[in-house]
Amino acid sequence: MHEDIVDLQTRMAFQDGVIEQLNQVVTDQQQQIDRLERRMEKLLGQVEALQADQLVQQADEPPPPHY
């Protein structure tokens, strides 16, 4: 009986360690996802600004002489 209890305690300690490692991995991944989302939003804003600038430049450009 005593050996069974020690075995269960050993398994539980191992599982606690694995759970803590998994929790750390999930936490790290979430932080990376958050950083990537912020960078993507920033890049999207830059692309939209460039597109808007390009449209303004095209609108200001006179038509070619053959018109």
Protein backbone atom coordinates (compact mmCIF):
# COMPACT_ATOMS: atom_id res chain seq x y z
CA MET A 1 0.00 0.00 0.00
CA HIS A 2 2.80 2.39 0.91
CA GLU A 3 4.49 1.75 -2.45
CA ASP A 4 1.24 2.58 -4.26
CA ILE A 5 1.02 5.92 -2.46
CA VAL A 6 4.65 6.75 -3.27
CA ASP A 7 4.04 5.77 -6.91
CA LEU A 8 0.97 8.02 -7.08
CA GLN A 9 2.87 10.89 -5.47
CA THR A 10 5.72 10.45 -7.94
CA ARG A 11 3.33 10.44 -10.88
CA MET A 12 1.55 13.48 -9.54
CA ALA A 13 4.82 15.39 -9.11
CA PHE A 14 5.82 14.49 -12.69
CA GLN A 15 2.43 15.56 -14.02
CA ASP A 16 2.65 18.85 -12.11
CA GLY A 17 6.00 19.52 -13.79
CA VAL A 18 4.63 18.67 -17.24
CA ILE A 19 1.58 20.86 -16.68
CA GLU A 20 3.81 23.76 -15.64
CA GLN A 21 5.96 23.30 -18.76
CA LEU A 22 2.88 23.19 -20.98
CA ASN A 23 1.51 26.29 -19.30
CA GLN A 24 4.78 28.10 -19.99
CA VAL A 25 4.67 27.06 -23.65
CA VAL A 26 1.09 28.27 -24.01
CA THR A 27 1.94 31.55 -22.28
CA ASP A 28 4.95 32.11 -24.55
CA GLN A 29 2.90 31.30 -27.64
CA GLN A 30 0.16 33.72 -26.61
CA GLN A 31 2.71 36.48 -26.11
CA GLN A 32 4.17 35.76 -29.54
CA ILE A 33 0.68 35.80 -31.10
CA ASP A 34 -0.02 39.14 -29.42
CA ARG A 35 3.25 40.60 -30.76
CA LEU A 36 2.54 39.30 -34.26
CA GLU A 37 -0.99 40.71 -34.21
CA ARG A 38 0.35 44.14 -33.21
CA ARG A 39 2.96 44.00 -35.98
CA MET A 40 0.39 42.90 -38.52
CA GLU A 41 -1.94 45.75 -37.56
CA LYS A 42 0.95 48.19 -37.92
CA LEU A 43 1.88 46.79 -41.32
CA LEU A 44 -1.74 46.87 -42.45
CA GLY A 45 -1.91 50.52 -41.48
CA GLN A 46 1.25 51.23 -43.44
CA VAL A 47 -0.07 49.40 -46.52
CA GLU A 48 -3.36 51.30 -46.35
CA ALA A 49 -1.49 54.60 -46.02
CA LEU A 50 0.69 53.75 -49.02
CA GLN A 51 -2.36 52.80 -51.07
CA ALA A 52 -4.09 56.04 -50.15
CA ASP A 53 -0.97 58.04 -51.07
CA GLN A 54 -0.74 56.23 -54.38
CA LEU A 55 -4.38 56.97 -55.19
CA VAL A 56 -3.87 60.65 -54.39
CA GLN A 57 -0.77 60.79 -56.58
CA GLN A 58 -2.61 59.13 -59.47
CA ALA A 59 -5.55 61.53 -59.12
CA ASP A 60 -3.21 64.55 -59.22
CA GLU A 61 -1.38 63.29 -62.29
CA PRO A 62 -2.55 64.90 -65.54
CA PRO A 63 -3.83 62.61 -68.27
CA PRO A 64 -1.36 61.52 -70.92
CA PRO A 65 -1.11 63.75 -74.03
CA HIS A 66 -2.96 61.32 -76.28
CA TYR A 67 -6.26 62.05 -74.51
